[in-house]
PDB file of N, CA and C in Angstrom:
ATOM      1  N   MET A   1       1.043  -1.035  -0.549  1.00  0.00           N
ATOM      2  CA  MET A   1      -0.402  -0.058   0.095  1.00  0.00           C
ATOM      3  C   MET A   1       0.532   1.046   0.185  1.00  0.00           C
ATOM      4  N   ARG A   2       1.000   2.393  -0.796  1.00  0.00           N
ATOM      5  CA  ARG A   2       1.227   3.105  -0.832  1.00  0.00           C
ATOM      6  C   ARG A   2       1.299   4.154  -0.066  1.00  0.00           C
ATOM      7  N   LEU A   3       1.977   4.802   0.994  1.00  0.00           N
ATOM      8  CA  LEU A   3       1.292   5.859   1.405  1.00  0.00           C
ATOM      9  C   LEU A   3       1.155   7.085   1.184  1.00  0.00           C
ATOM     10  N   ALA A   4       0.614   8.534   1.126  1.00  0.00           N
ATOM     11  CA  ALA A   4       0.151   9.379   0.417  1.00  0.00           C
ATOM     12  C   ALA A   4       0.431  10.452   0.609  1.00  0.00           C
ATOM     13  N   THR A   5       1.362  11.599  -0.018  1.00  0.00           N
ATOM     14  CA  THR A   5       1.622  12.549   0.160  1.00  0.00           C
ATOM     15  C   THR A   5       1.937  13.483   0.353  1.00  0.00           C
ATOM     16  N   TRP A   6       2.034  13.623   1.863  1.00  0.00           N
ATOM     17  CA  TRP A   6       1.873  15.088   2.682  1.00  0.00           C
ATOM     18  C   TRP A   6       2.634  16.590   1.974  1.00  0.00           C
ATOM     19  N   ILE A   7       1.395  17.049   1.941  1.00  0.00           N
ATOM     20  CA  ILE A   7       2.571  18.876   2.162  1.00  0.00           C
ATOM     21  C   ILE A   7       2.004  19.523   3.679  1.00  0.00           C
ATOM     22  N   VAL A   8       3.249  19.550   4.413  1.00  0.00           N
ATOM     23  CA  VAL A   8       2.680  20.134   5.409  1.00  0.00           C
ATOM     24  C   VAL A   8       3.224  21.568   5.555  1.00  0.00           C
ATOM     25  N   GLY A   9       2.703  22.423   5.894  1.00  0.00           N
ATOM     26  CA  GLY A   9       2.759  24.133   6.316  1.00  0.00           C
ATOM     27  C   GLY A   9       1.851  24.111   8.006  1.00  0.00           C
ATOM     28  N   ALA A  10       3.345  24.404   8.652  1.00  0.00           N
ATOM     29  CA  ALA A  10       3.074  25.452   9.820  1.00  0.00           C
ATOM     30  C   ALA A  10       2.996  26.307  10.687  1.00  0.00           C
ATOM     31  N   GLY A  11       2.302  27.204  11.234  1.00  0.00           N
ATOM     32  CA  GLY A  11       2.552  28.835  11.692  1.00  0.00           C
ATOM     33  C   GLY A  11       3.089  29.651  11.058  1.00  0.00           C
ATOM     34  N   LEU A  12       4.459  30.140  11.334  1.00  0.00           N
ATOM     35  CA  LEU A  12       5.743  31.367   9.958  1.00  0.00           C
ATOM     36  C   LEU A  12       5.689  30.531   8.775  1.00  0.00           C
ATOM     37  N   LEU A  13       5.586  29.546   8.871  1.00  0.00           N
ATOM     38  CA  LEU A  13       6.002  28.376   7.731  1.00  0.00           C
ATOM     39  C   LEU A  13       4.823  28.599   6.361  1.00  0.00           C
ATOM     40  N   ALA A  14       3.311  28.378   7.431  1.00  0.00           N
ATOM     41  CA  ALA A  14       2.652  28.353   6.241  1.00  0.00           C
ATOM     42  C   ALA A  14       2.405  30.632   6.075  1.00  0.00           C
ATOM     43  N   LEU A  15       2.941  31.395   7.131  1.00  0.00           N
ATOM     44  CA  LEU A  15       2.473  32.813   7.299  1.00  0.00           C
ATOM     45  C   LEU A  15       1.773  32.869   7.807  1.00  0.00           C
ATOM     46  N   SER A  16       1.276  32.242   8.771  1.00  0.00           N
ATOM     47  CA  SER A  16       0.526  32.241   9.941  1.00  0.00           C
ATOM     48  C   SER A  16      -0.674  32.142   9.094  1.00  0.00           C
ATOM     49  N   VAL A  17      -1.337  32.184   8.004  1.00  0.00           N
ATOM     50  CA  VAL A  17      -2.914  32.087   7.044  1.00  0.00           C
ATOM     51  C   VAL A  17      -3.540  31.223   7.093  1.00  0.00           C
ATOM     52  N   SER A  18      -4.905  30.787   7.852  1.00  0.00           N
ATOM     53  CA  SER A  18      -6.094  29.590   8.050  1.00  0.00           C
ATOM     54  C   SER A  18      -5.829  29.313   6.495  1.00  0.00           C
ATOM     55  N   VAL A  19      -6.305  28.008   7.293  1.00  0.00           N
ATOM     56  CA  VAL A  19      -6.675  27.066   6.024  1.00  0.00           C
ATOM     57  C   VAL A  19      -9.388  27.237   6.027  1.00  0.00           C
ATOM     58  N   SER A  20      -9.219  27.849   5.246  1.00  0.00           N
ATOM     59  CA  SER A  20     -10.682  27.349   5.957  1.00  0.00           C
ATOM     60  C   SER A  20     -11.789  27.028   5.592  1.00  0.00           C
ATOM     61  N   ALA A  21     -10.902  25.207   4.166  1.00  0.00           N
ATOM     62  CA  ALA A  21     -12.300  24.589   4.691  1.00  0.00           C
ATOM     63  C   ALA A  21     -11.045  23.474   4.861  1.00  0.00           C
ATOM     64  N   GLY A  22     -10.363  23.668   6.142  1.00  0.00           N
ATOM     65  CA  GLY A  22     -10.034  21.421   6.715  1.00  0.00           C
ATOM     66  C   GLY A  22     -10.899  20.425   6.658  1.00  0.00           C
ATOM     67  N   GLU A  23     -10.591  19.551   6.456  1.00  0.00           N
ATOM     68  CA  GLU A  23     -11.586  18.389   7.151  1.00  0.00           C
ATOM     69  C   GLU A  23     -12.163  18.019   8.086  1.00  0.00           C
ATOM     70  N   PHE A  24     -12.656  17.474   7.843  1.00  0.00           N
ATOM     71  CA  PHE A  24     -13.139  17.273   9.855  1.00  0.00           C
ATOM     72  C   PHE A  24     -13.997  18.617  10.138  1.00  0.00           C
ATOM     73  N   ASN A  25     -14.072  19.563   9.275  1.00  0.00           N
ATOM     74  CA  ASN A  25     -14.965  20.399   9.753  1.00  0.00           C
ATOM     75  C   ASN A  25     -13.835  21.835  11.118  1.00  0.00           C
ATOM     76  N   ASN A  26     -12.711  21.176  10.325  1.00  0.00           N
ATOM     77  CA  ASN A  26     -11.655  21.695  11.529  1.00  0.00           C
ATOM     78  C   ASN A  26     -10.953  21.935  12.511  1.00  0.00           C
ATOM     79  N   GLU A  27     -11.584  20.014  12.501  1.00  0.00           N
ATOM     80  CA  GLU A  27     -11.078  19.382  13.685  1.00  0.00           C
ATOM     81  C   GLU A  27     -10.221  19.622  13.585  1.00  0.00           C
ATOM     82  N   CYS A  28      -8.865  19.094  14.665  1.00  0.00           N
ATOM     83  CA  CYS A  28      -7.100  18.396  15.351  1.00  0.00           C
ATOM     84  C   CYS A  28      -7.648  17.209  14.463  1.00  0.00           C
ATOM     85  N   SER A  29      -7.129  16.730  13.609  1.00  0.00           N
ATOM     86  CA  SER A  29      -7.545  15.439  13.178  1.00  0.00           C
ATOM     87  C   SER A  29      -6.708  14.395  14.625  1.00  0.00           C
ATOM     88  N   TRP A  30      -5.493  15.209  15.080  1.00  0.00           N
ATOM     89  CA  TRP A  30      -5.307  14.626  16.324  1.00  0.00           C
ATOM     90  C   TRP A  30      -5.762  14.267  17.621  1.00  0.00           C
ATOM     91  N   GLY A  31      -6.622  15.001  17.138  1.00  0.00           N
ATOM     92  CA  GLY A  31      -7.647  15.224  18.214  1.00  0.00           C
ATOM     93  C   GLY A  31      -9.046  13.987  18.138  1.00  0.00           C
ATOM     94  N   LEU A  32      -9.540  13.643  17.070  1.00  0.00           N
ATOM     95  CA  LEU A  32     -10.208  12.638  16.909  1.00  0.00           C
ATOM     96  C   LEU A  32      -9.408  11.717  16.099  1.00  0.00           C
ATOM     97  N   ALA A  33      -8.076  11.434  15.858  1.00  0.00           N
ATOM     98  CA  ALA A  33      -7.836   9.783  16.005  1.00  0.00           C
ATOM     99  C   ALA A  33      -7.878   9.423  17.870  1.00  0.00           C
ATOM    100  N   ASN A  34      -7.373  10.586  19.135  1.00  0.00           N
ATOM    101  CA  ASN A  34      -8.265  10.110  20.355  1.00  0.00           C
ATOM    102  C   ASN A  34      -9.245   9.888  21.050  1.00  0.00           C
ATOM    103  N   ASP A  35     -10.534  10.879  19.845  1.00  0.00           N
ATOM    104  CA  ASP A  35     -11.560  10.396  20.563  1.00  0.00           C
ATOM    105  C   ASP A  35     -11.994  11.271  21.031  1.00  0.00           C
ATOM    106  N   LYS A  36     -11.030  12.855  20.038  1.00  0.00           N
ATOM    107  CA  LYS A  36     -11.357  14.481  21.639  1.00  0.00           C
ATOM    108  C   LYS A  36     -11.572  15.318  19.777  1.00  0.00           C
ATOM    109  N   HIS A  37     -13.093  15.506  19.918  1.00  0.00           N
ATOM    110  CA  HIS A  37     -13.550  16.427  19.096  1.00  0.00           C
ATOM    111  C   HIS A  37     -12.813  18.615  19.530  1.00  0.00           C
ATOM    112  N   VAL A  38     -12.117  18.490  19.624  1.00  0.00           N
ATOM    113  CA  VAL A  38     -11.400  19.830  19.267  1.00  0.00           C
ATOM    114  C   VAL A  38     -11.089  20.643  17.583  1.00  0.00           C
ATOM    115  N   LYS A  39     -12.053  22.118  17.839  1.00  0.00           N
ATOM    116  CA  LYS A  39     -11.509  23.072  16.758  1.00  0.00           C
ATOM    117  C   LYS A  39     -10.331  23.694  16.717  1.00  0.00           C
ATOM    118  N   THR A  40     -10.268  23.895  15.755  1.00  0.00           N
ATOM    119  CA  THR A  40      -8.953  24.572  15.339  1.00  0.00           C
ATOM    120  C   THR A  40      -9.092  26.359  14.420  1.00  0.00           C
ATOM    121  N   ASP A  41      -8.579  26.050  14.159  1.00  0.00           N
ATOM    122  CA  ASP A  41      -8.381  27.319  13.657  1.00  0.00           C
ATOM    123  C   ASP A  41      -6.984  26.951  12.484  1.00  0.00           C
ATOM    124  N   CYS A  42      -7.220  25.839  11.530  1.00  0.00           N
ATOM    125  CA  CYS A  42      -6.113  26.155  11.198  1.00  0.00           C
ATOM    126  C   CYS A  42      -5.220  26.495  10.156  1.00  0.00           C
ATOM    127  N   LYS A  43      -4.386  26.778  11.373  1.00  0.00           N
ATOM    128  CA  LYS A  43      -2.959  28.058  10.967  1.00  0.00           C
ATOM    129  C   LYS A  43      -2.422  26.443  11.205  1.00  0.00           C
ATOM    130  N   VAL A  44      -2.424  24.950  12.060  1.00  0.00           N
ATOM    131  CA  VAL A  44      -0.713  23.877  11.602  1.00  0.00           C
ATOM    132  C   VAL A  44      -2.216  23.163  11.134  1.00  0.00           C
ATOM    133  N   TYR A  45      -1.376  22.457   9.922  1.00  0.00           N
ATOM    134  CA  TYR A  45      -1.955  21.826   8.532  1.00  0.00           C
ATOM    135  C   TYR A  45      -1.309  21.067   7.826  1.00  0.00           C
ATOM    136  N   ALA A  46      -1.722  20.426   6.897  1.00  0.00           N
ATOM    137  CA  ALA A  46      -1.303  19.851   5.671  1.00  0.00           C
ATOM    138  C   ALA A  46      -2.021  19.446   5.112  1.00  0.00           C
ATOM    139  N   VAL A  47      -1.200  19.628   3.899  1.00  0.00           N
ATOM    140  CA  VAL A  47      -2.646  18.806   2.893  1.00  0.00           C
ATOM    141  C   VAL A  47      -1.462  17.979   1.947  1.00  0.00           C
ATOM    142  N   ARG A  48      -3.073  16.834   1.609  1.00  0.00           N
ATOM    143  CA  ARG A  48      -2.371  14.959   0.747  1.00  0.00           C
ATOM    144  C   ARG A  48      -2.484  15.465  -0.586  1.00  0.00           C
ATOM    145  N   GLU A  49      -1.371  14.807  -1.384  1.00  0.00           N
ATOM    146  CA  GLU A  49      -1.652  15.217  -3.051  1.00  0.00           C
ATOM    147  C   GLU A  49      -2.523  15.272  -3.575  1.00  0.00           C
ATOM    148  N   ASP A  50      -4.140  14.346  -2.671  1.00  0.00           N
ATOM    149  CA  ASP A  50      -5.481  14.623  -2.946  1.00  0.00           C
ATOM    150  C   ASP A  50      -5.896  15.863  -3.119  1.00  0.00           C
ATOM    151  N   GLY A  51      -5.066  17.270  -3.022  1.00  0.00           N
ATOM    152  CA  GLY A  51      -5.949  18.133  -2.311  1.00  0.00           C
ATOM    153  C   GLY A  51      -6.292  18.879  -0.908  1.00  0.00           C
ATOM    154  N   LYS A  52      -6.632  17.607  -0.347  1.00  0.00           N
ATOM    155  CA  LYS A  52      -7.267  18.002   0.783  1.00  0.00           C
ATOM    156  C   LYS A  52      -6.859  18.374   2.158  1.00  0.00           C
ATOM    157  N   THR A  53      -7.460  19.357   3.334  1.00  0.00           N
ATOM    158  CA  THR A  53      -5.872  20.202   4.735  1.00  0.00           C
ATOM    159  C   THR A  53      -6.613  19.082   5.272  1.00  0.00           C
ATOM    160  N   TYR A  54      -5.639  18.469   6.134  1.00  0.00           N
ATOM    161  CA  TYR A  54      -6.503  18.287   8.048  1.00  0.00           C
ATOM    162  C   TYR A  54      -5.827  19.173   8.558  1.00  0.00           C
ATOM    163  N   CYS A  55      -6.135  19.353   9.298  1.00  0.00           N
ATOM    164  CA  CYS A  55      -6.461  20.348  10.464  1.00  0.00           C
ATOM    165  C   CYS A  55      -5.309  20.579  11.971  1.00  0.00           C
ATOM    166  N   PHE A  56      -4.797  20.445  12.377  1.00  0.00           N
ATOM    167  CA  PHE A  56      -4.294  20.179  13.580  1.00  0.00           C
ATOM    168  C   PHE A  56      -4.242  21.770  14.726  1.00  0.00           C
ATOM    169  N   SER A  57      -4.607  20.543  16.299  1.00  0.00           N
ATOM    170  CA  SER A  57      -3.886  22.094  16.742  1.00  0.00           C
ATOM    171  C   SER A  57      -3.051  22.753  17.121  1.00  0.00           C
ATOM    172  N   ASN A  58      -1.729  22.070  17.137  1.00  0.00           N
ATOM    173  CA  ASN A  58      -0.430  22.747  17.009  1.00  0.00           C
ATOM    174  C   ASN A  58       0.832  21.557  16.145  1.00  0.00           C
ATOM    175  N   ASP A  59       1.620  22.319  16.610  1.00  0.00           N
ATOM    176  CA  ASP A  59       2.603  20.954  16.278  1.00  0.00           C
ATOM    177  C   ASP A  59       3.005  19.788  15.953  1.00  0.00           C
ATOM    178  N   LYS A  60       2.952  19.701  17.315  1.00  0.00           N
ATOM    179  CA  LYS A  60       2.466  18.262  18.180  1.00  0.00           C
ATOM    180  C   LYS A  60       2.107  17.965  17.307  1.00  0.00           C
ATOM    181  N   ALA A  61       0.839  18.064  18.101  1.00  0.00           N
ATOM    182  CA  ALA A  61      -0.366  16.733  17.105  1.00  0.00           C
ATOM    183  C   ALA A  61      -0.295  17.005  15.876  1.00  0.00           C
ATOM    184  N   MET A  62       0.707  17.116  14.575  1.00  0.00           N
ATOM    185  CA  MET A  62       0.811  17.247  14.038  1.00  0.00           C
ATOM    186  C   MET A  62       1.502  15.916  13.376  1.00  0.00           C
ATOM    187  N   GLU A  63       2.785  16.577  14.501  1.00  0.00           N
ATOM    188  CA  GLU A  63       3.104  15.336  14.749  1.00  0.00           C
ATOM    189  C   GLU A  63       3.754  14.376  14.578  1.00  0.00           C
ATOM    190  N   ALA A  64       2.546  13.679  15.773  1.00  0.00           N
ATOM    191  CA  ALA A  64       2.501  12.583  16.514  1.00  0.00           C
ATOM    192  C   ALA A  64       1.444  12.243  15.634  1.00  0.00           C
ATOM    193  N   PHE A  65       0.972  12.736  14.523  1.00  0.00           N
ATOM    194  CA  PHE A  65      -0.351  12.351  13.747  1.00  0.00           C
ATOM    195  C   PHE A  65       0.627  11.377  12.215  1.00  0.00           C
ATOM    196  N   MET A  66       1.299  12.578  12.378  1.00  0.00           N
ATOM    197  CA  MET A  66       2.571  11.643  10.801  1.00  0.00           C
ATOM    198  C   MET A  66       3.024  10.718  11.198  1.00  0.00           C
ATOM    199  N   LYS A  67       3.779  10.149  12.723  1.00  0.00           N
ATOM    200  CA  LYS A  67       3.611   8.410  12.781  1.00  0.00           C
ATOM    201  C   LYS A  67       2.848   7.559  12.569  1.00  0.00           C
ATOM    202  N   ASP A  68       1.665   7.282  12.666  1.00  0.00           N
ATOM    203  CA  ASP A  68       1.207   6.484  11.992  1.00  0.00           C
ATOM    204  C   ASP A  68      -0.167   7.001  10.963  1.00  0.00           C
ATOM    205  N   VAL A  69       0.878   7.753  10.053  1.00  0.00           N
ATOM    206  CA  VAL A  69      -0.883   7.835   9.138  1.00  0.00           C
ATOM    207  C   VAL A  69      -2.400   7.206   9.160  1.00  0.00           C
ATOM    208  N   PRO A  70      -2.266   5.908   8.614  1.00  0.00           N
ATOM    209  CA  PRO A  70      -2.869   5.401   8.492  1.00  0.00           C
ATOM    210  C   PRO A  70      -3.905   5.692   9.630  1.00  0.00           C
ATOM    211  N   VAL A  71      -3.130   4.833  10.303  1.00  0.00           N
ATOM    212  CA  VAL A  71      -3.512   4.181  11.576  1.00  0.00           C
ATOM    213  C   VAL A  71      -5.114   5.546  12.339  1.00  0.00           C
ATOM    214  N   ASN A  72      -3.644   6.142  11.934  1.00  0.00           N
ATOM    215  CA  ASN A  72      -4.656   8.420  12.956  1.00  0.00           C
ATOM    216  C   ASN A  72      -6.001   8.226  11.797  1.00  0.00           C
ATOM    217  N   MET A  73      -5.025   8.131  10.699  1.00  0.00           N
ATOM    218  CA  MET A  73      -6.787   8.655   9.442  1.00  0.00           C
ATOM    219  C   MET A  73      -7.478   8.056   9.909  1.00  0.00           C
ATOM    220  N   LYS A  74      -8.015   6.604  10.037  1.00  0.00           N
ATOM    221  CA  LYS A  74      -9.094   4.897  10.262  1.00  0.00           C
ATOM    222  C   LYS A  74      -9.821   6.163  11.333  1.00  0.00           C
ATOM    223  N   LYS A  75      -9.045   6.841  12.633  1.00  0.00           N
ATOM    224  CA  LYS A  75      -8.562   6.703  14.020  1.00  0.00           C
ATOM    225  C   LYS A  75     -10.258   7.514  13.646  1.00  0.00           C
ATOM    226  N   ALA A  76      -9.409   9.242  13.100  1.00  0.00           N
ATOM    227  CA  ALA A  76      -9.687  10.326  12.986  1.00  0.00           C
ATOM    228  C   ALA A  76     -11.457   9.551  12.207  1.00  0.00           C
ATOM    229  N   LYS A  77     -11.119   9.540  10.724  1.00  0.00           N
ATOM    230  CA  LYS A  77     -13.267   8.928  10.473  1.00  0.00           C
ATOM    231  C   LYS A  77     -13.969   8.989  11.361  1.00  0.00           C
ATOM    232  N   GLU A  78     -13.383   7.684  11.785  1.00  0.00           N
ATOM    233  CA  GLU A  78     -14.393   6.650  12.983  1.00  0.00           C
ATOM    234  C   GLU A  78     -14.688   7.401  13.755  1.00  0.00           C
ATOM    235  N   VAL A  79     -13.961   8.216  14.502  1.00  0.00           N
ATOM    236  CA  VAL A  79     -14.136   9.580  15.393  1.00  0.00           C
ATOM    237  C   VAL A  79     -15.284  10.545  14.886  1.00  0.00           C
ATOM    238  N   PHE A  80     -15.425  10.895  13.574  1.00  0.00           N
ATOM    239  CA  PHE A  80     -15.929  12.175  13.427  1.00  0.00           C
ATOM    240  C   PHE A  80     -17.592  11.754  12.413  1.00  0.00           C
ATOM    241  N   GLY A  81     -17.498  10.797  12.361  1.00  0.00           N
ATOM    242  CA  GLY A  81     -18.427   9.765  12.044  1.00  0.00           C
ATOM    243  C   GLY A  81     -19.070   9.419  12.867  1.00  0.00           C
ATOM    244  N   ARG A  82     -19.162   9.909  14.541  1.00  0.00           N
ATOM    245  CA  ARG A  82     -19.801   9.600  15.479  1.00  0.00           C
ATOM    246  C   ARG A  82     -21.002   9.951  15.221  1.00  0.00           C
ATOM    247  N   ALA A  83     -20.490  11.304  15.262  1.00  0.00           N
ATOM    248  CA  ALA A  83     -20.494  13.154  15.420  1.00  0.00           C
ATOM    249  C   ALA A  83     -21.987  12.833  14.958  1.00  0.00           C
TER     250      ALA A  83
END
Protein backbone atom coordinates (compact mmCIF):
# COMPACT_ATOMS: atom_id res chain seq x y z
CA MET A 1 0.00 0.00 0.00
CA ARG A 2 1.38 3.40 -0.98
CA LEU A 3 1.27 6.13 1.63
CA ALA A 4 -0.02 9.50 0.53
CA THR A 5 2.41 12.35 0.08
CA TRP A 6 1.86 15.23 2.49
CA ILE A 7 2.79 18.87 2.06
CA VAL A 8 3.11 20.33 5.52
CA GLY A 9 2.50 23.94 6.52
CA ALA A 10 2.47 25.36 10.03
CA GLY A 11 2.62 28.67 11.84
CA LEU A 12 5.35 30.90 10.40
CA LEU A 13 6.09 28.48 7.57
CA ALA A 14 2.57 29.10 6.30
CA LEU A 15 2.83 32.80 7.17
CA SER A 16 0.15 32.19 9.81
CA VAL A 17 -2.57 32.09 7.19
CA SER A 18 -5.50 29.96 8.26
CA VAL A 19 -7.01 27.47 5.86
CA SER A 20 -10.74 28.02 5.60
CA ALA A 21 -11.84 24.59 4.41
CA GLY A 22 -10.08 21.80 6.26
CA GLU A 23 -11.42 18.26 6.40
CA PHE A 24 -13.36 17.20 9.51
CA ASN A 25 -14.92 20.67 9.73
CA ASN A 26 -11.55 22.13 10.82
CA GLU A 27 -11.31 19.85 13.86
CA CYS A 28 -7.88 18.63 14.93
CA SER A 29 -7.15 15.37 13.12
CA TRP A 30 -4.95 14.14 15.98
CA GLY A 31 -7.67 14.99 18.50
CA LEU A 32 -10.18 12.96 16.50
CA ALA A 33 -7.74 10.06 16.29
CA ASN A 34 -7.77 10.17 20.10
CA ASP A 35 -11.58 10.37 20.40
CA LYS A 36 -11.65 14.12 21.12
CA HIS A 37 -13.36 16.94 19.20
CA VAL A 38 -11.00 19.94 19.16
CA LYS A 39 -11.93 22.88 16.93
CA THR A 40 -8.95 24.64 15.32
CA ASP A 41 -8.24 27.82 13.40
CA CYS A 42 -6.29 25.57 11.00
CA LYS A 43 -3.05 27.55 11.27
CA VAL A 44 -1.26 24.21 11.59
CA TYR A 45 -2.20 21.93 8.72
CA ALA A 46 -1.11 19.29 6.24
CA VAL A 47 -2.26 18.91 2.65
CA ARG A 48 -2.37 15.50 1.01
CA GLU A 49 -1.43 15.13 -2.62
CA ASP A 50 -5.14 14.74 -3.40
CA GLY A 51 -5.63 18.35 -2.23
CA LYS A 52 -7.44 17.59 1.05
CA THR A 53 -6.34 19.73 3.99
CA TYR A 54 -6.17 18.36 7.53
CA CYS A 55 -5.99 20.74 10.51
CA PHE A 56 -4.14 20.31 13.80
CA SER A 57 -4.35 22.18 17.09
CA ASN A 58 -0.55 22.59 17.24
CA ASP A 59 2.75 21.36 15.78
CA LYS A 60 3.10 18.51 18.27
CA ALA A 61 -0.35 17.19 17.39
CA MET A 62 0.56 17.16 13.70
CA GLU A 63 3.89 15.47 14.41
CA ALA A 64 2.19 12.74 16.46
CA PHE A 65 -0.46 12.18 13.77
CA MET A 66 2.22 11.80 11.08
CA LYS A 67 3.93 8.96 12.94
CA ASP A 68 1.23 6.56 11.70
CA VAL A 69 -1.01 8.30 9.18
CA PRO A 70 -3.03 5.26 8.01
CA VAL A 71 -4.02 4.22 11.54
CA ASN A 72 -4.63 7.76 12.77
CA MET A 73 -6.66 8.68 9.68
CA LYS A 74 -8.88 5.64 10.12
CA LYS A 75 -9.52 6.51 13.78
CA ALA A 76 -10.16 10.19 12.98
CA LYS A 77 -12.70 9.28 10.29
CA GLU A 78 -14.50 6.89 12.64
CA VAL A 79 -14.74 9.43 15.49
CA PHE A 80 -15.79 12.28 13.19
CA GLY A 81 -18.43 10.03 11.62
CA ARG A 82 -20.02 9.39 15.03
CA ALA A 83 -20.55 13.10 15.74
